[in-house]
Amino acid sequence: SALFGPRDPEPEVPYWLQGQQGPQGQQEQQPE
């Protein structure tokens, strides 16, 4: 079960935090 069992789905990002993070949950980097 630990090796091949079904995994729990990843929790979704709340809608009020979606604008503060990038597409992969990381903060946007400043331009060079």
Full PDB file with SEQRES, HELIX, SHEET, SSBOND, CRYST1, ORIGX, SCALE, CONECT and MASTER records, all heavy atoms in Angstrom:
SEQRES   1 A   32  SER ALA LEU PHE GLY PRO ARG ASP PRO GLU PRO GLU VAL          
SEQRES   2 A   32  PRO TYR TRP LEU GLN GLY GLN GLN GLY PRO GLN GLY GLN          
SEQRES   3 A   32  GLN GLU GLN GLN PRO GLU                                      
HELIX    1 AA1 GLN A   18  GLN A   20  5                                   3    
CRYST1    1.000    1.000    1.000  90.00  90.00  90.00 P 1           1          
ORIGX1      1.000000  0.000000  0.000000        0.00000                         
ORIGX2      0.000000  1.000000  0.000000        0.00000                         
ORIGX3      0.000000  0.000000  1.000000        0.00000                         
SCALE1      1.000000  0.000000  0.000000        0.00000                         
SCALE2      0.000000  1.000000  0.000000        0.00000                         
SCALE3      0.000000  0.000000  1.000000        0.00000                         
ATOM      1  N   SER A   1       0.828  -1.205   0.000  1.00  0.00           N  
ATOM      2  CA  SER A   1       0.000   0.000   0.000  1.00  0.00           C  
ATOM      3  C   SER A   1       0.866   1.260   0.000  1.00  0.00           C  
ATOM      4  O   SER A   1       0.527   2.257  -0.646  1.00  0.00           O  
ATOM      5  CB  SER A   1      -0.930   0.006   1.214  1.00  0.00           C  
ATOM      6  OG  SER A   1      -1.811  -1.100   1.184  1.00  0.00           O  
ATOM      7  N   ALA A   2       1.989   1.207   0.725  1.00  0.00           N  
ATOM      8  CA  ALA A   2       2.870   2.372   0.747  1.00  0.00           C  
ATOM      9  C   ALA A   2       3.588   2.580  -0.579  1.00  0.00           C  
ATOM     10  O   ALA A   2       3.842   3.721  -0.982  1.00  0.00           O  
ATOM     11  CB  ALA A   2       3.896   2.221   1.878  1.00  0.00           C  
ATOM     12  N   LEU A   3       3.905   1.493  -1.283  1.00  0.00           N  
ATOM     13  CA  LEU A   3       4.656   1.623  -2.531  1.00  0.00           C  
ATOM     14  C   LEU A   3       3.766   1.826  -3.752  1.00  0.00           C  
ATOM     15  O   LEU A   3       4.081   2.649  -4.630  1.00  0.00           O  
ATOM     16  CB  LEU A   3       5.533   0.373  -2.740  1.00  0.00           C  
ATOM     17  CG  LEU A   3       6.670   0.152  -1.731  1.00  0.00           C  
ATOM     18  CD1 LEU A   3       7.393  -1.137  -2.031  1.00  0.00           C  
ATOM     19  CD2 LEU A   3       7.635   1.322  -1.749  1.00  0.00           C  
ATOM     20  N   PHE A   4       2.675   1.089  -3.841  1.00  0.00           N  
ATOM     21  CA  PHE A   4       1.875   1.081  -5.059  1.00  0.00           C  
ATOM     22  C   PHE A   4       0.423   1.489  -4.843  1.00  0.00           C  
ATOM     23  O   PHE A   4      -0.377   1.415  -5.774  1.00  0.00           O  
ATOM     24  CB  PHE A   4       1.889  -0.318  -5.692  1.00  0.00           C  
ATOM     25  CG  PHE A   4       3.272  -0.855  -5.921  1.00  0.00           C  
ATOM     26  CD1 PHE A   4       3.780  -1.861  -5.104  1.00  0.00           C  
ATOM     27  CD2 PHE A   4       4.071  -0.359  -6.928  1.00  0.00           C  
ATOM     28  CE1 PHE A   4       5.051  -2.362  -5.293  1.00  0.00           C  
ATOM     29  CE2 PHE A   4       5.346  -0.853  -7.131  1.00  0.00           C  
ATOM     30  CZ  PHE A   4       5.837  -1.858  -6.318  1.00  0.00           C  
ATOM     31  N   GLY A   5       0.056   1.879  -3.622  1.00  0.00           N  
ATOM     32  CA  GLY A   5      -1.329   2.270  -3.361  1.00  0.00           C  
ATOM     33  C   GLY A   5      -1.663   3.604  -4.007  1.00  0.00           C  
ATOM     34  O   GLY A   5      -0.774   4.380  -4.390  1.00  0.00           O  
ATOM     35  N   PRO A   6      -2.957   3.933  -4.146  1.00  0.00           N  
ATOM     36  CA  PRO A   6      -3.366   5.229  -4.724  1.00  0.00           C  
ATOM     37  C   PRO A   6      -2.953   6.373  -3.826  1.00  0.00           C  
ATOM     38  O   PRO A   6      -3.007   6.288  -2.600  1.00  0.00           O  
ATOM     39  CB  PRO A   6      -4.894   5.100  -4.841  1.00  0.00           C  
ATOM     40  CG  PRO A   6      -5.266   4.061  -3.830  1.00  0.00           C  
ATOM     41  CD  PRO A   6      -4.112   3.105  -3.764  1.00  0.00           C  
ATOM     42  N   ARG A   7      -2.535   7.467  -4.431  1.00  0.00           N  
ATOM     43  CA  ARG A   7      -2.104   8.651  -3.701  1.00  0.00           C  
ATOM     44  C   ARG A   7      -3.255   9.648  -3.585  1.00  0.00           C  
ATOM     45  O   ARG A   7      -4.117   9.729  -4.452  1.00  0.00           O  
ATOM     46  CB  ARG A   7      -0.925   9.329  -4.419  1.00  0.00           C  
ATOM     47  CG  ARG A   7       0.306   8.448  -4.538  1.00  0.00           C  
ATOM     48  CD  ARG A   7       0.921   8.190  -3.172  1.00  0.00           C  
ATOM     49  NE  ARG A   7       2.189   7.487  -3.270  1.00  0.00           N  
ATOM     50  CZ  ARG A   7       2.332   6.180  -3.230  1.00  0.00           C  
ATOM     51  NH1 ARG A   7       1.253   5.416  -3.113  1.00  0.00           N  
ATOM     52  NH2 ARG A   7       3.515   5.621  -3.301  1.00  0.00           N  
ATOM     53  N   ASP A   8      -3.243  10.411  -2.493  1.00  0.00           N  
ATOM     54  CA  ASP A   8      -4.238  11.460  -2.312  1.00  0.00           C  
ATOM     55  C   ASP A   8      -3.958  12.604  -3.270  1.00  0.00           C  
ATOM     56  O   ASP A   8      -2.795  12.952  -3.527  1.00  0.00           O  
ATOM     57  CB  ASP A   8      -4.205  11.982  -0.879  1.00  0.00           C  
ATOM     58  CG  ASP A   8      -4.634  10.923   0.122  1.00  0.00           C  
ATOM     59  OD1 ASP A   8      -5.397  10.026  -0.289  1.00  0.00           O  
ATOM     60  OD2 ASP A   8      -4.206  10.996   1.286  1.00  0.00           O  
ATOM     61  N   PRO A   9      -4.985  13.224  -3.836  1.00  0.00           N  
ATOM     62  CA  PRO A   9      -4.756  14.337  -4.763  1.00  0.00           C  
ATOM     63  C   PRO A   9      -4.156  15.538  -4.049  1.00  0.00           C  
ATOM     64  O   PRO A   9      -4.398  15.773  -2.865  1.00  0.00           O  
ATOM     65  CB  PRO A   9      -6.166  14.636  -5.301  1.00  0.00           C  
ATOM     66  CG  PRO A   9      -7.096  14.124  -4.250  1.00  0.00           C  
ATOM     67  CD  PRO A   9      -6.414  12.926  -3.647  1.00  0.00           C  
ATOM     68  N   GLU A  10      -3.355  16.312  -4.798  1.00  0.00           N  
ATOM     69  CA  GLU A  10      -2.749  17.515  -4.241  1.00  0.00           C  
ATOM     70  C   GLU A  10      -3.824  18.564  -3.978  1.00  0.00           C  
ATOM     71  O   GLU A  10      -4.729  18.762  -4.787  1.00  0.00           O  
ATOM     72  CB  GLU A  10      -1.712  18.081  -5.217  1.00  0.00           C  
ATOM     73  CG  GLU A  10      -0.493  17.193  -5.404  1.00  0.00           C  
ATOM     74  CD  GLU A  10       0.348  17.112  -4.146  1.00  0.00           C  
ATOM     75  OE1 GLU A  10       0.261  18.055  -3.335  1.00  0.00           O  
ATOM     76  OE2 GLU A  10       1.077  16.124  -3.983  1.00  0.00           O  
ATOM     77  N   PRO A  11      -3.765  19.266  -2.835  1.00  0.00           N  
ATOM     78  CA  PRO A  11      -4.777  20.290  -2.549  1.00  0.00           C  
ATOM     79  C   PRO A  11      -4.662  21.458  -3.523  1.00  0.00           C  
ATOM     80  O   PRO A  11      -3.557  21.873  -3.892  1.00  0.00           O  
ATOM     81  CB  PRO A  11      -4.453  20.714  -1.110  1.00  0.00           C  
ATOM     82  CG  PRO A  11      -3.012  20.346  -0.924  1.00  0.00           C  
ATOM     83  CD  PRO A  11      -2.774  19.130  -1.765  1.00  0.00           C  
ATOM     84  N   GLU A  12      -5.799  22.001  -3.934  1.00  0.00           N  
ATOM     85  CA  GLU A  12      -5.816  23.127  -4.845  1.00  0.00           C  
ATOM     86  C   GLU A  12      -5.495  24.419  -4.104  1.00  0.00           C  
ATOM     87  O   GLU A  12      -5.802  24.583  -2.926  1.00  0.00           O  
ATOM     88  CB  GLU A  12      -7.187  23.235  -5.513  1.00  0.00           C  
ATOM     89  CG  GLU A  12      -7.539  22.026  -6.373  1.00  0.00           C  
ATOM     90  CD  GLU A  12      -8.880  22.203  -7.056  1.00  0.00           C  
ATOM     91  OE1 GLU A  12      -9.515  23.258  -6.808  1.00  0.00           O  
ATOM     92  OE2 GLU A  12      -9.274  21.310  -7.824  1.00  0.00           O  
ATOM     93  N   VAL A  13      -4.861  25.357  -4.829  1.00  0.00           N  
ATOM     94  CA  VAL A  13      -4.536  26.656  -4.253  1.00  0.00           C  
ATOM     95  C   VAL A  13      -5.817  27.471  -4.143  1.00  0.00           C  
ATOM     96  O   VAL A  13      -6.594  27.554  -5.101  1.00  0.00           O  
ATOM     97  CB  VAL A  13      -3.504  27.386  -5.127  1.00  0.00           C  
ATOM     98  CG1 VAL A  13      -3.160  28.753  -4.544  1.00  0.00           C  
ATOM     99  CG2 VAL A  13      -2.251  26.527  -5.260  1.00  0.00           C  
ATOM    100  N   PRO A  14      -6.114  28.076  -2.982  1.00  0.00           N  
ATOM    101  CA  PRO A  14      -7.327  28.893  -2.856  1.00  0.00           C  
ATOM    102  C   PRO A  14      -7.328  30.037  -3.863  1.00  0.00           C  
ATOM    103  O   PRO A  14      -6.276  30.559  -4.253  1.00  0.00           O  
ATOM    104  CB  PRO A  14      -7.253  29.409  -1.414  1.00  0.00           C  
ATOM    105  CG  PRO A  14      -6.351  28.451  -0.704  1.00  0.00           C  
ATOM    106  CD  PRO A  14      -5.370  27.979  -1.716  1.00  0.00           C  
ATOM    107  N   TYR A  15      -8.521  30.418  -4.271  1.00  0.00           N  
ATOM    108  CA  TYR A  15      -8.632  31.410  -5.340  1.00  0.00           C  
ATOM    109  C   TYR A  15      -8.108  32.762  -4.916  1.00  0.00           C  
ATOM    110  O   TYR A  15      -7.642  33.536  -5.749  1.00  0.00           O  
ATOM    111  CB  TYR A  15     -10.095  31.516  -5.800  1.00  0.00           C  
ATOM    112  CG  TYR A  15     -11.019  32.163  -4.794  1.00  0.00           C  
ATOM    113  CD1 TYR A  15     -11.245  33.534  -4.784  1.00  0.00           C  
ATOM    114  CD2 TYR A  15     -11.671  31.384  -3.835  1.00  0.00           C  
ATOM    115  CE1 TYR A  15     -12.085  34.110  -3.859  1.00  0.00           C  
ATOM    116  CE2 TYR A  15     -12.501  31.957  -2.901  1.00  0.00           C  
ATOM    117  CZ  TYR A  15     -12.716  33.324  -2.917  1.00  0.00           C  
ATOM    118  OH  TYR A  15     -13.545  33.895  -2.005  1.00  0.00           O  
ATOM    119  N   TRP A  16      -8.139  33.079  -3.600  1.00  0.00           N  
ATOM    120  CA  TRP A  16      -7.659  34.393  -3.181  1.00  0.00           C  
ATOM    121  C   TRP A  16      -6.125  34.455  -3.109  1.00  0.00           C  
ATOM    122  O   TRP A  16      -5.568  35.512  -2.871  1.00  0.00           O  
ATOM    123  CB  TRP A  16      -8.250  34.774  -1.831  1.00  0.00           C  
ATOM    124  CG  TRP A  16      -7.857  33.861  -0.709  1.00  0.00           C  
ATOM    125  CD1 TRP A  16      -6.745  33.915   0.056  1.00  0.00           C  
ATOM    126  CD2 TRP A  16      -8.610  32.740  -0.239  1.00  0.00           C  
ATOM    127  NE1 TRP A  16      -6.732  32.919   0.972  1.00  0.00           N  
ATOM    128  CE2 TRP A  16      -7.879  32.170   0.824  1.00  0.00           C  
ATOM    129  CE3 TRP A  16      -9.829  32.170  -0.605  1.00  0.00           C  
ATOM    130  CZ2 TRP A  16      -8.325  31.056   1.503  1.00  0.00           C  
ATOM    131  CZ3 TRP A  16     -10.277  31.063   0.079  1.00  0.00           C  
ATOM    132  CH2 TRP A  16      -9.529  30.509   1.112  1.00  0.00           C  
ATOM    133  N   LEU A  17      -5.444  33.272  -3.301  1.00  0.00           N  
ATOM    134  CA  LEU A  17      -3.991  33.260  -3.333  1.00  0.00           C  
ATOM    135  C   LEU A  17      -3.431  32.975  -4.710  1.00  0.00           C  
ATOM    136  O   LEU A  17      -2.207  32.964  -4.884  1.00  0.00           O  
ATOM    137  CB  LEU A  17      -3.456  32.191  -2.357  1.00  0.00           C  
ATOM    138  CG  LEU A  17      -3.738  32.427  -0.868  1.00  0.00           C  
ATOM    139  CD1 LEU A  17      -3.180  31.281  -0.050  1.00  0.00           C  
ATOM    140  CD2 LEU A  17      -3.110  33.735  -0.420  1.00  0.00           C  
ATOM    141  N   GLN A  18      -4.289  32.723  -5.681  1.00  0.00           N  
ATOM    142  CA  GLN A  18      -3.804  32.371  -7.004  1.00  0.00           C  
ATOM    143  C   GLN A  18      -3.083  33.526  -7.668  1.00  0.00           C  
ATOM    144  O   GLN A  18      -2.163  33.332  -8.450  1.00  0.00           O  
ATOM    145  CB  GLN A  18      -4.963  31.898  -7.883  1.00  0.00           C  
ATOM    146  CG  GLN A  18      -5.521  30.560  -7.450  1.00  0.00           C  
ATOM    147  CD  GLN A  18      -6.681  30.115  -8.316  1.00  0.00           C  
ATOM    148  OE1 GLN A  18      -7.072  30.828  -9.242  1.00  0.00           O  
ATOM    149  NE2 GLN A  18      -7.215  28.955  -8.033  1.00  0.00           N  
ATOM    150  N   GLY A  19      -3.447  34.788  -7.377  1.00  0.00           N  
ATOM    151  CA  GLY A  19      -2.798  35.927  -8.006  1.00  0.00           C  
ATOM    152  C   GLY A  19      -1.470  36.278  -7.403  1.00  0.00           C  
ATOM    153  O   GLY A  19      -0.701  37.049  -7.991  1.00  0.00           O  
ATOM    154  N   GLN A  20      -1.138  35.714  -6.236  1.00  0.00           N  
ATOM    155  CA  GLN A  20       0.104  36.054  -5.568  1.00  0.00           C  
ATOM    156  C   GLN A  20       1.227  35.096  -5.895  1.00  0.00           C  
ATOM    157  O   GLN A  20       2.360  35.334  -5.512  1.00  0.00           O  
ATOM    158  CB  GLN A  20      -0.093  36.067  -4.046  1.00  0.00           C  
ATOM    159  CG  GLN A  20      -1.113  37.091  -3.580  1.00  0.00           C  
ATOM    160  CD  GLN A  20      -1.249  37.079  -2.077  1.00  0.00           C  
ATOM    161  OE1 GLN A  20      -0.559  36.331  -1.411  1.00  0.00           O  
ATOM    162  NE2 GLN A  20      -2.118  37.915  -1.566  1.00  0.00           N  
ATOM    163  N   GLN A  21       0.960  33.997  -6.551  1.00  0.00           N  
ATOM    164  CA  GLN A  21       1.965  33.003  -6.847  1.00  0.00           C  
ATOM    165  C   GLN A  21       1.991  32.737  -8.341  1.00  0.00           C  
ATOM    166  O   GLN A  21       1.019  32.987  -9.053  1.00  0.00           O  
ATOM    167  CB  GLN A  21       1.698  31.696  -6.097  1.00  0.00           C  
ATOM    168  CG  GLN A  21       1.761  31.872  -4.584  1.00  0.00           C  
ATOM    169  CD  GLN A  21       1.494  30.571  -3.877  1.00  0.00           C  
ATOM    170  OE1 GLN A  21       1.026  29.628  -4.481  1.00  0.00           O  
ATOM    171  NE2 GLN A  21       1.802  30.551  -2.596  1.00  0.00           N  
ATOM    172  N   GLY A  22       3.145  32.223  -8.760  1.00  0.00           N  
ATOM    173  CA  GLY A  22       3.309  31.901 -10.161  1.00  0.00           C  
ATOM    174  C   GLY A  22       2.554  30.650 -10.526  1.00  0.00           C  
ATOM    175  O   GLY A  22       1.830  30.062  -9.729  1.00  0.00           O  
ATOM    176  N   PRO A  23       2.723  30.170 -11.751  1.00  0.00           N  
ATOM    177  CA  PRO A  23       1.988  28.979 -12.193  1.00  0.00           C  
ATOM    178  C   PRO A  23       2.390  27.722 -11.453  1.00  0.00           C  
ATOM    179  O   PRO A  23       1.633  26.783 -11.374  1.00  0.00           O  
ATOM    180  CB  PRO A  23       2.352  28.883 -13.693  1.00  0.00           C  
ATOM    181  CG  PRO A  23       3.640  29.648 -13.831  1.00  0.00           C  
ATOM    182  CD  PRO A  23       3.559  30.741 -12.808  1.00  0.00           C  
ATOM    183  N   GLN A  24       3.588  27.688 -10.857  1.00  0.00           N  
ATOM    184  CA  GLN A  24       4.034  26.496 -10.155  1.00  0.00           C  
ATOM    185  C   GLN A  24       4.119  26.724  -8.657  1.00  0.00           C  
ATOM    186  O   GLN A  24       4.842  26.047  -7.947  1.00  0.00           O  
ATOM    187  CB  GLN A  24       5.394  26.047 -10.681  1.00  0.00           C  
ATOM    188  CG  GLN A  24       5.349  25.637 -12.142  1.00  0.00           C  
ATOM    189  CD  GLN A  24       6.699  25.179 -12.639  1.00  0.00           C  
ATOM    190  OE1 GLN A  24       7.683  25.242 -11.899  1.00  0.00           O  
ATOM    191  NE2 GLN A  24       6.756  24.726 -13.860  1.00  0.00           N  
ATOM    192  N   GLY A  25       3.394  27.718  -8.124  1.00  0.00           N  
ATOM    193  CA  GLY A  25       3.383  27.969  -6.689  1.00  0.00           C  
ATOM    194  C   GLY A  25       4.614  28.705  -6.202  1.00  0.00           C  
ATOM    195  O   GLY A  25       4.879  28.743  -5.020  1.00  0.00           O  
ATOM    196  N   GLN A  26       5.423  29.338  -7.106  1.00  0.00           N  
ATOM    197  CA  GLN A  26       6.597  30.076  -6.717  1.00  0.00           C  
ATOM    198  C   GLN A  26       6.391  31.539  -7.015  1.00  0.00           C  
ATOM    199  O   GLN A  26       5.682  31.912  -7.940  1.00  0.00           O  
ATOM    200  CB  GLN A  26       7.836  29.555  -7.444  1.00  0.00           C  
ATOM    201  CG  GLN A  26       8.125  28.078  -7.169  1.00  0.00           C  
ATOM    202  CD  GLN A  26       9.325  27.611  -7.953  1.00  0.00           C  
ATOM    203  OE1 GLN A  26       9.844  28.355  -8.775  1.00  0.00           O  
ATOM    204  NE2 GLN A  26       9.735  26.389  -7.692  1.00  0.00           N  
ATOM    205  N   GLN A  27       7.077  32.401  -6.258  1.00  0.00           N  
ATOM    206  CA  GLN A  27       6.964  33.819  -6.480  1.00  0.00           C  
ATOM    207  C   GLN A  27       7.663  34.202  -7.772  1.00  0.00           C  
ATOM    208  O   GLN A  27       8.681  33.620  -8.156  1.00  0.00           O  
ATOM    209  CB  GLN A  27       7.585  34.582  -5.300  1.00  0.00           C  
ATOM    210  CG  GLN A  27       6.847  34.370  -3.980  1.00  0.00           C  
ATOM    211  CD  GLN A  27       7.459  35.180  -2.858  1.00  0.00           C  
ATOM    212  OE1 GLN A  27       8.485  35.807  -3.066  1.00  0.00           O  
ATOM    213  NE2 GLN A  27       6.813  35.152  -1.716  1.00  0.00           N  
ATOM    214  N   GLU A  28       7.070  35.195  -8.442  1.00  0.00           N  
ATOM    215  CA  GLU A  28       7.635  35.639  -9.703  1.00  0.00           C  
ATOM    216  C   GLU A  28       8.956  36.339  -9.450  1.00  0.00           C  
ATOM    217  O   GLU A  28       9.113  37.095  -8.494  1.00  0.00           O  
ATOM    218  CB  GLU A  28       6.653  36.580 -10.402  1.00  0.00           C  
ATOM    219  CG  GLU A  28       5.327  35.909 -10.750  1.00  0.00           C  
ATOM    220  CD  GLU A  28       4.402  36.873 -11.462  1.00  0.00           C  
ATOM    221  OE1 GLU A  28       4.808  38.038 -11.624  1.00  0.00           O  
ATOM    222  OE2 GLU A  28       3.312  36.451 -11.850  1.00  0.00           O  
ATOM    223  N   GLN A  29       9.930  36.094 -10.317  1.00  0.00           N  
ATOM    224  CA  GLN A  29      11.236  36.696 -10.184  1.00  0.00           C  
ATOM    225  C   GLN A  29      11.252  38.093 -10.781  1.00  0.00           C  
ATOM    226  O   GLN A  29      10.539  38.388 -11.740  1.00  0.00           O  
ATOM    227  CB  GLN A  29      12.296  35.825 -10.872  1.00  0.00           C  
ATOM    228  CG  GLN A  29      12.399  34.425 -10.275  1.00  0.00           C  
ATOM    229  CD  GLN A  29      13.424  33.597 -11.005  1.00  0.00           C  
ATOM    230  OE1 GLN A  29      13.993  34.050 -11.996  1.00  0.00           O  
ATOM    231  NE2 GLN A  29      13.662  32.407 -10.489  1.00  0.00           N  
ATOM    232  N   GLN A  30      12.104  38.948 -10.217  1.00  0.00           N  
ATOM    233  CA  GLN A  30      12.253  40.293 -10.719  1.00  0.00           C  
ATOM    234  C   GLN A  30      13.033  40.267 -12.032  1.00  0.00           C  
ATOM    235  O   GLN A  30      13.939  39.455 -12.216  1.00  0.00           O  
ATOM    236  CB  GLN A  30      12.993  41.158  -9.682  1.00  0.00           C  
ATOM    237  CG  GLN A  30      12.242  41.304  -8.372  1.00  0.00           C  
ATOM    238  CD  GLN A  30      10.965  42.100  -8.541  1.00  0.00           C  
ATOM    239  OE1 GLN A  30      10.858  42.892  -9.467  1.00  0.00           O  
ATOM    240  NE2 GLN A  30      10.009  41.877  -7.667  1.00  0.00           N  
ATOM    241  N   PRO A  31      12.710  41.186 -12.992  1.00  0.00           N  
ATOM    242  CA  PRO A  31      13.451  41.206 -14.263  1.00  0.00           C  
ATOM    243  C   PRO A  31      14.895  41.635 -14.044  1.00  0.00           C  
ATOM    244  O   PRO A  31      15.218  42.401 -13.143  1.00  0.00           O  
ATOM    245  CB  PRO A  31      12.665  42.231 -15.094  1.00  0.00           C  
ATOM    246  CG  PRO A  31      11.956  43.074 -14.100  1.00  0.00           C  
ATOM    247  CD  PRO A  31      11.642  42.187 -12.946  1.00  0.00           C  
ATOM    248  N   GLU A  32      15.784  41.094 -14.877  1.00  0.00           N  
ATOM    249  CA  GLU A  32      17.209  41.395 -14.779  1.00  0.00           C  
ATOM    250  C   GLU A  32      17.500  42.791 -15.313  1.00  0.00           C  
ATOM    251  O   GLU A  32      16.921  43.234 -16.302  1.00  0.00           O  
ATOM    252  CB  GLU A  32      18.006  40.366 -15.601  1.00  0.00           C  
ATOM    253  CG  GLU A  32      18.668  39.348 -14.705  1.00  0.00           C  
ATOM    254  CD  GLU A  32      19.570  38.444 -15.507  1.00  0.00           C  
ATOM    255  OE1 GLU A  32      20.582  38.920 -16.033  1.00  0.00           O  
ATOM    256  OE2 GLU A  32      19.211  37.283 -15.607  1.00  0.00           O  
TER     257      GLU A  32                                                      
MASTER        0    0    0    1    0    0    0    6  256    1    0    3          
END                                                                             
